[in-house]
Amino acid sequence: RAAGGLIMATAHGFATWDFATCQFTYLVHPEADQ
């Protein structure tokens, strides 16, 4: 990710990863019902 950290596709949809906090920020989950 250009802004730092990573972008991921996870079990809970798209999310960014921050190495400073070692946490996800969840963005959108297009298949939460599946």
PDB file of all heavy atoms in Angstrom:
ATOM      1  N   ARG A   1       0.853  -1.193   0.000  1.00  0.00           N
ATOM      2  CA  ARG A   1       0.000   0.000   0.000  1.00  0.00           C
ATOM      3  C   ARG A   1       0.883   1.235   0.000  1.00  0.00           C
ATOM      4  O   ARG A   1       1.796   1.361   0.827  1.00  0.00           O
ATOM      5  CB  ARG A   1      -0.905  -0.013   1.228  1.00  0.00           C
ATOM      6  CG  ARG A   1      -1.932   1.099   1.270  1.00  0.00           C
ATOM      7  CD  ARG A   1      -2.813   0.969   2.498  1.00  0.00           C
ATOM      8  NE  ARG A   1      -3.771   2.054   2.573  1.00  0.00           N
ATOM      9  CZ  ARG A   1      -4.074   2.711   3.680  1.00  0.00           C
ATOM     10  NH1 ARG A   1      -3.490   2.376   4.843  1.00  0.00           N
ATOM     11  NH2 ARG A   1      -4.957   3.690   3.669  1.00  0.00           N
ATOM     12  N   ALA A   2       0.642   2.149  -0.931  1.00  0.00           N
ATOM     13  CA  ALA A   2       1.487   3.329  -1.080  1.00  0.00           C
ATOM     14  C   ALA A   2       1.508   4.183   0.181  1.00  0.00           C
ATOM     15  O   ALA A   2       2.528   4.816   0.497  1.00  0.00           O
ATOM     16  CB  ALA A   2       1.029   4.151  -2.280  1.00  0.00           C
ATOM     17  N   ALA A   3       0.414   4.233   0.923  1.00  0.00           N
ATOM     18  CA  ALA A   3       0.331   5.034   2.138  1.00  0.00           C
ATOM     19  C   ALA A   3       1.004   4.364   3.325  1.00  0.00           C
ATOM     20  O   ALA A   3       1.055   4.929   4.418  1.00  0.00           O
ATOM     21  CB  ALA A   3      -1.136   5.318   2.474  1.00  0.00           C
ATOM     22  N   GLY A   4       1.528   3.163   3.116  1.00  0.00           N
ATOM     23  CA  GLY A   4       2.153   2.408   4.187  1.00  0.00           C
ATOM     24  C   GLY A   4       1.307   1.229   4.592  1.00  0.00           C
ATOM     25  O   GLY A   4       0.074   1.247   4.471  1.00  0.00           O
ATOM     26  N   GLY A   5       1.958   0.186   5.048  1.00  0.00           N
ATOM     27  CA  GLY A   5       1.229  -1.017   5.413  1.00  0.00           C
ATOM     28  C   GLY A   5       0.817  -1.812   4.190  1.00  0.00           C
ATOM     29  O   GLY A   5       1.429  -1.735   3.126  1.00  0.00           O
ATOM     30  N   LEU A   6      -0.265  -2.557   4.320  1.00  0.00           N
ATOM     31  CA  LEU A   6      -0.697  -3.487   3.290  1.00  0.00           C
ATOM     32  C   LEU A   6      -2.186  -3.338   3.034  1.00  0.00           C
ATOM     33  O   LEU A   6      -2.933  -2.835   3.873  1.00  0.00           O
ATOM     34  CB  LEU A   6      -0.407  -4.929   3.726  1.00  0.00           C
ATOM     35  CG  LEU A   6       1.040  -5.268   4.087  1.00  0.00           C
ATOM     36  CD1 LEU A   6       1.112  -6.639   4.753  1.00  0.00           C
ATOM     37  CD2 LEU A   6       1.935  -5.216   2.863  1.00  0.00           C
ATOM     38  N   ILE A   7      -2.613  -3.804   1.864  1.00  0.00           N
ATOM     39  CA  ILE A   7      -4.027  -4.013   1.552  1.00  0.00           C
ATOM     40  C   ILE A   7      -4.204  -5.522   1.432  1.00  0.00           C
ATOM     41  O   ILE A   7      -3.332  -6.215   0.910  1.00  0.00           O
ATOM     42  CB  ILE A   7      -4.453  -3.288   0.259  1.00  0.00           C
ATOM     43  CG1 ILE A   7      -5.936  -3.544  -0.066  1.00  0.00           C
ATOM     44  CG2 ILE A   7      -3.585  -3.689  -0.934  1.00  0.00           C
ATOM     45  CD1 ILE A   7      -6.881  -2.625   0.586  1.00  0.00           C
ATOM     46  N   MET A   8      -5.318  -6.031   1.951  1.00  0.00           N
ATOM     47  CA  MET A   8      -5.547  -7.477   1.948  1.00  0.00           C
ATOM     48  C   MET A   8      -6.986  -7.795   1.581  1.00  0.00           C
ATOM     49  O   MET A   8      -7.884  -6.976   1.793  1.00  0.00           O
ATOM     50  CB  MET A   8      -5.243  -8.061   3.330  1.00  0.00           C
ATOM     51  CG  MET A   8      -3.825  -7.885   3.820  1.00  0.00           C
ATOM     52  SD  MET A   8      -3.638  -8.609   5.472  1.00  0.00           S
ATOM     53  CE  MET A   8      -1.876  -8.386   5.746  1.00  0.00           C
ATOM     54  N   ALA A   9      -7.182  -8.993   1.063  1.00  0.00           N
ATOM     55  CA  ALA A   9      -8.522  -9.565   0.924  1.00  0.00           C
ATOM     56  C   ALA A   9      -8.609 -10.700   1.935  1.00  0.00           C
ATOM     57  O   ALA A   9      -7.896 -11.702   1.815  1.00  0.00           O
ATOM     58  CB  ALA A   9      -8.761 -10.065  -0.486  1.00  0.00           C
ATOM     59  N   THR A  10      -9.435 -10.527   2.951  1.00  0.00           N
ATOM     60  CA  THR A  10      -9.485 -11.428   4.103  1.00  0.00           C
ATOM     61  C   THR A  10     -10.826 -12.158   4.177  1.00  0.00           C
ATOM     62  O   THR A  10     -11.714 -11.951   3.332  1.00  0.00           O
ATOM     63  CB  THR A  10      -9.287 -10.635   5.407  1.00  0.00           C
ATOM     64  OG1 THR A  10     -10.516  -9.953   5.731  1.00  0.00           O
ATOM     65  CG2 THR A  10      -8.176  -9.605   5.277  1.00  0.00           C
ATOM     66  N   ALA A  11     -10.980 -12.953   5.215  1.00  0.00           N
ATOM     67  CA  ALA A  11     -12.256 -13.639   5.438  1.00  0.00           C
ATOM     68  C   ALA A  11     -13.381 -12.657   5.707  1.00  0.00           C
ATOM     69  O   ALA A  11     -14.560 -12.993   5.563  1.00  0.00           O
ATOM     70  CB  ALA A  11     -12.130 -14.612   6.609  1.00  0.00           C
ATOM     71  N   HIS A  12     -13.035 -11.434   6.092  1.00  0.00           N
ATOM     72  CA  HIS A  12     -14.045 -10.402   6.344  1.00  0.00           C
ATOM     73  C   HIS A  12     -13.951  -9.272   5.310  1.00  0.00           C
ATOM     74  O   HIS A  12     -14.235  -8.117   5.610  1.00  0.00           O
ATOM     75  CB  HIS A  12     -13.893  -9.848   7.761  1.00  0.00           C
ATOM     76  CG  HIS A  12     -14.205 -10.857   8.823  1.00  0.00           C
ATOM     77  ND1 HIS A  12     -13.239 -11.615   9.437  1.00  0.00           N
ATOM     78  CD2 HIS A  12     -15.385 -11.257   9.354  1.00  0.00           C
ATOM     79  CE1 HIS A  12     -13.803 -12.430  10.311  1.00  0.00           C
ATOM     80  NE2 HIS A  12     -15.108 -12.237  10.273  1.00  0.00           N
ATOM     81  N   GLY A  13     -13.558  -9.635   4.098  1.00  0.00           N
ATOM     82  CA  GLY A  13     -13.544  -8.677   3.004  1.00  0.00           C
ATOM     83  C   GLY A  13     -12.228  -7.922   2.884  1.00  0.00           C
ATOM     84  O   GLY A  13     -11.193  -8.333   3.419  1.00  0.00           O
ATOM     85  N   PHE A  14     -12.288  -6.804   2.184  1.00  0.00           N
ATOM     86  CA  PHE A  14     -11.097  -5.994   1.957  1.00  0.00           C
ATOM     87  C   PHE A  14     -10.743  -5.221   3.222  1.00  0.00           C
ATOM     88  O   PHE A  14     -11.619  -4.699   3.922  1.00  0.00           O
ATOM     89  CB  PHE A  14     -11.331  -5.016   0.803  1.00  0.00           C
ATOM     90  CG  PHE A  14     -11.456  -5.689  -0.532  1.00  0.00           C
ATOM     91  CD1 PHE A  14     -12.706  -6.001  -1.064  1.00  0.00           C
ATOM     92  CD2 PHE A  14     -10.322  -6.026  -1.259  1.00  0.00           C
ATOM     93  CE1 PHE A  14     -12.829  -6.626  -2.297  1.00  0.00           C
ATOM     94  CE2 PHE A  14     -10.435  -6.664  -2.488  1.00  0.00           C
ATOM     95  CZ  PHE A  14     -11.681  -6.965  -3.011  1.00  0.00           C
ATOM     96  N   ALA A  15      -9.440  -5.145   3.501  1.00  0.00           N
ATOM     97  CA  ALA A  15      -8.985  -4.476   4.714  1.00  0.00           C
ATOM     98  C   ALA A  15      -7.561  -3.975   4.520  1.00  0.00           C
ATOM     99  O   ALA A  15      -6.797  -4.524   3.709  1.00  0.00           O
ATOM    100  CB  ALA A  15      -9.033  -5.423   5.908  1.00  0.00           C
ATOM    101  N   THR A  16      -7.192  -2.934   5.258  1.00  0.00           N
ATOM    102  CA  THR A  16      -5.807  -2.494   5.290  1.00  0.00           C
ATOM    103  C   THR A  16      -5.167  -2.984   6.586  1.00  0.00           C
ATOM    104  O   THR A  16      -5.845  -3.216   7.583  1.00  0.00           O
ATOM    105  CB  THR A  16      -5.680  -0.964   5.194  1.00  0.00           C
ATOM    106  OG1 THR A  16      -6.449  -0.358   6.256  1.00  0.00           O
ATOM    107  CG2 THR A  16      -6.201  -0.463   3.853  1.00  0.00           C
ATOM    108  N   TRP A  17      -3.842  -3.114   6.558  1.00  0.00           N
ATOM    109  CA  TRP A  17      -3.083  -3.580   7.724  1.00  0.00           C
ATOM    110  C   TRP A  17      -2.070  -2.523   8.109  1.00  0.00           C
ATOM    111  O   TRP A  17      -1.310  -2.031   7.256  1.00  0.00           O
ATOM    112  CB  TRP A  17      -2.373  -4.890   7.409  1.00  0.00           C
ATOM    113  CG  TRP A  17      -1.450  -5.366   8.486  1.00  0.00           C
ATOM    114  CD1 TRP A  17      -0.109  -5.143   8.599  1.00  0.00           C
ATOM    115  CD2 TRP A  17      -1.816  -6.151   9.633  1.00  0.00           C
ATOM    116  NE1 TRP A  17       0.397  -5.735   9.723  1.00  0.00           N
ATOM    117  CE2 TRP A  17      -0.629  -6.374  10.382  1.00  0.00           C
ATOM    118  CE3 TRP A  17      -3.013  -6.702  10.090  1.00  0.00           C
ATOM    119  CZ2 TRP A  17      -0.628  -7.108  11.561  1.00  0.00           C
ATOM    120  CZ3 TRP A  17      -3.008  -7.436  11.264  1.00  0.00           C
ATOM    121  CH2 TRP A  17      -1.831  -7.645  11.982  1.00  0.00           C
ATOM    122  N   ASP A  18      -2.070  -2.163   9.381  1.00  0.00           N
ATOM    123  CA  ASP A  18      -1.153  -1.159   9.932  1.00  0.00           C
ATOM    124  C   ASP A  18      -0.102  -1.874  10.767  1.00  0.00           C
ATOM    125  O   ASP A  18      -0.427  -2.532  11.761  1.00  0.00           O
ATOM    126  CB  ASP A  18      -1.940  -0.166  10.785  1.00  0.00           C
ATOM    127  CG  ASP A  18      -1.094   0.994  11.298  1.00  0.00           C
ATOM    128  OD1 ASP A  18       0.152   0.884  11.302  1.00  0.00           O
ATOM    129  OD2 ASP A  18      -1.682   2.009  11.706  1.00  0.00           O
ATOM    130  N   PHE A  19       1.178  -1.738  10.395  1.00  0.00           N
ATOM    131  CA  PHE A  19       2.229  -2.412  11.145  1.00  0.00           C
ATOM    132  C   PHE A  19       2.454  -1.778  12.516  1.00  0.00           C
ATOM    133  O   PHE A  19       2.934  -2.449  13.435  1.00  0.00           O
ATOM    134  CB  PHE A  19       3.536  -2.409  10.351  1.00  0.00           C
ATOM    135  CG  PHE A  19       3.579  -3.446   9.272  1.00  0.00           C
ATOM    136  CD1 PHE A  19       3.396  -3.099   7.944  1.00  0.00           C
ATOM    137  CD2 PHE A  19       3.779  -4.779   9.583  1.00  0.00           C
ATOM    138  CE1 PHE A  19       3.426  -4.055   6.939  1.00  0.00           C
ATOM    139  CE2 PHE A  19       3.801  -5.750   8.590  1.00  0.00           C
ATOM    140  CZ  PHE A  19       3.632  -5.386   7.261  1.00  0.00           C
ATOM    141  N   ALA A  20       2.123  -0.506  12.670  1.00  0.00           N
ATOM    142  CA  ALA A  20       2.316   0.152  13.964  1.00  0.00           C
ATOM    143  C   ALA A  20       1.397  -0.429  15.029  1.00  0.00           C
ATOM    144  O   ALA A  20       1.789  -0.594  16.192  1.00  0.00           O
ATOM    145  CB  ALA A  20       2.087   1.655  13.836  1.00  0.00           C
ATOM    146  N   THR A  21       0.169  -0.752  14.645  1.00  0.00           N
ATOM    147  CA  THR A  21      -0.805  -1.280  15.605  1.00  0.00           C
ATOM    148  C   THR A  21      -1.030  -2.781  15.452  1.00  0.00           C
ATOM    149  O   THR A  21      -1.652  -3.397  16.322  1.00  0.00           O
ATOM    150  CB  THR A  21      -2.158  -0.572  15.432  1.00  0.00           C
ATOM    151  OG1 THR A  21      -2.651  -0.838  14.102  1.00  0.00           O
ATOM    152  CG2 THR A  21      -2.006   0.934  15.613  1.00  0.00           C
ATOM    153  N   CYS A  22      -0.533  -3.344  14.327  1.00  0.00           N
ATOM    154  CA  CYS A  22      -0.788  -4.749  13.993  1.00  0.00           C
ATOM    155  C   CYS A  22      -2.287  -5.040  14.028  1.00  0.00           C
ATOM    156  O   CYS A  22      -2.759  -6.014  14.632  1.00  0.00           O
ATOM    157  CB  CYS A  22      -0.032  -5.680  14.926  1.00  0.00           C
ATOM    158  SG  CYS A  22       1.734  -5.747  14.576  1.00  0.00           S
ATOM    159  N   GLN A  23      -3.045  -4.168  13.349  1.00  0.00           N
ATOM    160  CA  GLN A  23      -4.500  -4.319  13.292  1.00  0.00           C
ATOM    161  C   GLN A  23      -5.018  -4.061  11.886  1.00  0.00           C
ATOM    162  O   GLN A  23      -4.401  -3.324  11.100  1.00  0.00           O
ATOM    163  CB  GLN A  23      -5.169  -3.344  14.259  1.00  0.00           C
ATOM    164  CG  GLN A  23      -4.963  -3.674  15.725  1.00  0.00           C
ATOM    165  CD  GLN A  23      -5.749  -2.748  16.634  1.00  0.00           C
ATOM    166  OE1 GLN A  23      -6.188  -1.676  16.227  1.00  0.00           O
ATOM    167  NE2 GLN A  23      -5.941  -3.162  17.878  1.00  0.00           N
ATOM    168  N   PHE A  24      -6.171  -4.648  11.607  1.00  0.00           N
ATOM    169  CA  PHE A  24      -6.885  -4.405  10.367  1.00  0.00           C
ATOM    170  C   PHE A  24      -7.781  -3.171  10.494  1.00  0.00           C
ATOM    171  O   PHE A  24      -8.316  -2.897  11.573  1.00  0.00           O
ATOM    172  CB  PHE A  24      -7.805  -5.581  10.017  1.00  0.00           C
ATOM    173  CG  PHE A  24      -7.103  -6.813   9.544  1.00  0.00           C
ATOM    174  CD1 PHE A  24      -7.193  -8.002  10.268  1.00  0.00           C
ATOM    175  CD2 PHE A  24      -6.373  -6.813   8.370  1.00  0.00           C
ATOM    176  CE1 PHE A  24      -6.583  -9.155   9.835  1.00  0.00           C
ATOM    177  CE2 PHE A  24      -5.748  -7.965   7.919  1.00  0.00           C
ATOM    178  CZ  PHE A  24      -5.850  -9.131   8.652  1.00  0.00           C
ATOM    179  N   THR A  25      -7.973  -2.485   9.391  1.00  0.00           N
ATOM    180  CA  THR A  25      -9.089  -1.559   9.219  1.00  0.00           C
ATOM    181  C   THR A  25      -9.937  -2.140   8.103  1.00  0.00           C
ATOM    182  O   THR A  25      -9.505  -2.210   6.946  1.00  0.00           O
ATOM    183  CB  THR A  25      -8.619  -0.144   8.850  1.00  0.00           C
ATOM    184  OG1 THR A  25      -7.822   0.380   9.912  1.00  0.00           O
ATOM    185  CG2 THR A  25      -9.815   0.775   8.609  1.00  0.00           C
ATOM    186  N   TYR A  26     -11.146  -2.583   8.444  1.00  0.00           N
ATOM    187  CA  TYR A  26     -11.988  -3.240   7.446  1.00  0.00           C
ATOM    188  C   TYR A  26     -12.681  -2.194   6.578  1.00  0.00           C
ATOM    189  O   TYR A  26     -13.150  -1.165   7.066  1.00  0.00           O
ATOM    190  CB  TYR A  26     -13.002  -4.148   8.140  1.00  0.00           C
ATOM    191  CG  TYR A  26     -12.332  -5.326   8.811  1.00  0.00           C
ATOM    192  CD1 TYR A  26     -12.055  -5.298  10.177  1.00  0.00           C
ATOM    193  CD2 TYR A  26     -11.941  -6.434   8.079  1.00  0.00           C
ATOM    194  CE1 TYR A  26     -11.423  -6.368  10.795  1.00  0.00           C
ATOM    195  CE2 TYR A  26     -11.304  -7.507   8.686  1.00  0.00           C
ATOM    196  CZ  TYR A  26     -11.046  -7.476  10.047  1.00  0.00           C
ATOM    197  OH  TYR A  26     -10.415  -8.523  10.651  1.00  0.00           O
ATOM    198  N   LEU A  27     -12.768  -2.491   5.284  1.00  0.00           N
ATOM    199  CA  LEU A  27     -13.257  -1.514   4.314  1.00  0.00           C
ATOM    200  C   LEU A  27     -14.609  -1.907   3.728  1.00  0.00           C
ATOM    201  O   LEU A  27     -15.553  -1.145   3.803  1.00  0.00           O
ATOM    202  CB  LEU A  27     -12.216  -1.353   3.193  1.00  0.00           C
ATOM    203  CG  LEU A  27     -10.800  -0.978   3.678  1.00  0.00           C
ATOM    204  CD1 LEU A  27      -9.804  -1.054   2.535  1.00  0.00           C
ATOM    205  CD2 LEU A  27     -10.803   0.412   4.306  1.00  0.00           C
ATOM    206  N   VAL A  28     -14.702  -3.088   3.146  1.00  0.00           N
ATOM    207  CA  VAL A  28     -15.961  -3.537   2.555  1.00  0.00           C
ATOM    208  C   VAL A  28     -15.913  -5.054   2.429  1.00  0.00           C
ATOM    209  O   VAL A  28     -14.859  -5.637   2.152  1.00  0.00           O
ATOM    210  CB  VAL A  28     -16.195  -2.880   1.166  1.00  0.00           C
ATOM    211  CG1 VAL A  28     -15.086  -3.243   0.183  1.00  0.00           C
ATOM    212  CG2 VAL A  28     -17.552  -3.262   0.597  1.00  0.00           C
ATOM    213  N   HIS A  29     -17.055  -5.688   2.680  1.00  0.00           N
ATOM    214  CA  HIS A  29     -17.156  -7.147   2.584  1.00  0.00           C
ATOM    215  C   HIS A  29     -18.292  -7.488   1.624  1.00  0.00           C
ATOM    216  O   HIS A  29     -19.461  -7.530   2.020  1.00  0.00           O
ATOM    217  CB  HIS A  29     -17.416  -7.756   3.951  1.00  0.00           C
ATOM    218  CG  HIS A  29     -17.311  -9.246   3.984  1.00  0.00           C
ATOM    219  ND1 HIS A  29     -16.991 -10.010   2.880  1.00  0.00           N
ATOM    220  CD2 HIS A  29     -17.473 -10.147   5.020  1.00  0.00           C
ATOM    221  CE1 HIS A  29     -16.973 -11.283   3.199  1.00  0.00           C
ATOM    222  NE2 HIS A  29     -17.262 -11.398   4.490  1.00  0.00           N
ATOM    223  N   PRO A  30     -17.971  -7.745   0.355  1.00  0.00           N
ATOM    224  CA  PRO A  30     -19.033  -7.928  -0.638  1.00  0.00           C
ATOM    225  C   PRO A  30     -19.794  -9.239  -0.519  1.00  0.00           C
ATOM    226  O   PRO A  30     -20.869  -9.374  -1.105  1.00  0.00           O
ATOM    227  CB  PRO A  30     -18.277  -7.865  -1.969  1.00  0.00           C
ATOM    228  CG  PRO A  30     -16.900  -8.330  -1.635  1.00  0.00           C
ATOM    229  CD  PRO A  30     -16.640  -7.819  -0.246  1.00  0.00           C
ATOM    230  N   GLU A  31     -19.265 -10.218   0.221  1.00  0.00           N
ATOM    231  CA  GLU A  31     -19.922 -11.519   0.293  1.00  0.00           C
ATOM    232  C   GLU A  31     -20.147 -11.954   1.738  1.00  0.00           C
ATOM    233  O   GLU A  31     -20.022 -13.126   2.088  1.00  0.00           O
ATOM    234  CB  GLU A  31     -19.111 -12.553  -0.490  1.00  0.00           C
ATOM    235  CG  GLU A  31     -18.987 -12.186  -1.973  1.00  0.00           C
ATOM    236  CD  GLU A  31     -18.360 -13.276  -2.817  1.00  0.00           C
ATOM    237  OE1 GLU A  31     -17.942 -14.312  -2.253  1.00  0.00           O
ATOM    238  OE2 GLU A  31     -18.281 -13.097  -4.045  1.00  0.00           O
ATOM    239  N   ALA A  32     -20.501 -10.996   2.578  1.00  0.00           N
ATOM    240  CA  ALA A  32     -20.735 -11.293   3.997  1.00  0.00           C
ATOM    241  C   ALA A  32     -21.876 -12.286   4.191  1.00  0.00           C
ATOM    242  O   ALA A  32     -21.933 -12.973   5.217  1.00  0.00           O
ATOM    243  CB  ALA A  32     -21.036  -9.996   4.750  1.00  0.00           C
ATOM    244  N   ASP A  33     -22.770 -12.374   3.216  1.00  0.00           N
ATOM    245  CA  ASP A  33     -23.909 -13.286   3.315  1.00  0.00           C
ATOM    246  C   ASP A  33     -23.612 -14.667   2.739  1.00  0.00           C
ATOM    247  O   ASP A  33     -24.515 -15.502   2.619  1.00  0.00           O
ATOM    248  CB  ASP A  33     -25.118 -12.683   2.586  1.00  0.00           C
ATOM    249  CG  ASP A  33     -24.845 -12.461   1.100  1.00  0.00           C
ATOM    250  OD1 ASP A  33     -23.653 -12.367   0.707  1.00  0.00           O
ATOM    251  OD2 ASP A  33     -25.809 -12.355   0.322  1.00  0.00           O
ATOM    252  N   GLN A  34     -22.343 -14.935   2.395  1.00  0.00           N
ATOM    253  CA  GLN A  34     -21.959 -16.216   1.797  1.00  0.00           C
ATOM    254  C   GLN A  34     -20.764 -16.800   2.559  1.00  0.00           C
ATOM    255  O   GLN A  34     -19.631 -16.779   2.077  1.00  0.00           O
ATOM    256  CB  GLN A  34     -21.602 -16.030   0.325  1.00  0.00           C
ATOM    257  CG  GLN A  34     -22.742 -15.448  -0.511  1.00  0.00           C
ATOM    258  CD  GLN A  34     -22.339 -15.211  -1.944  1.00  0.00           C
ATOM    259  OE1 GLN A  34     -22.105 -16.146  -2.705  1.00  0.00           O
ATOM    260  NE2 GLN A  34     -22.243 -13.943  -2.324  1.00  0.00           N
TER     261      GLN A  34
END
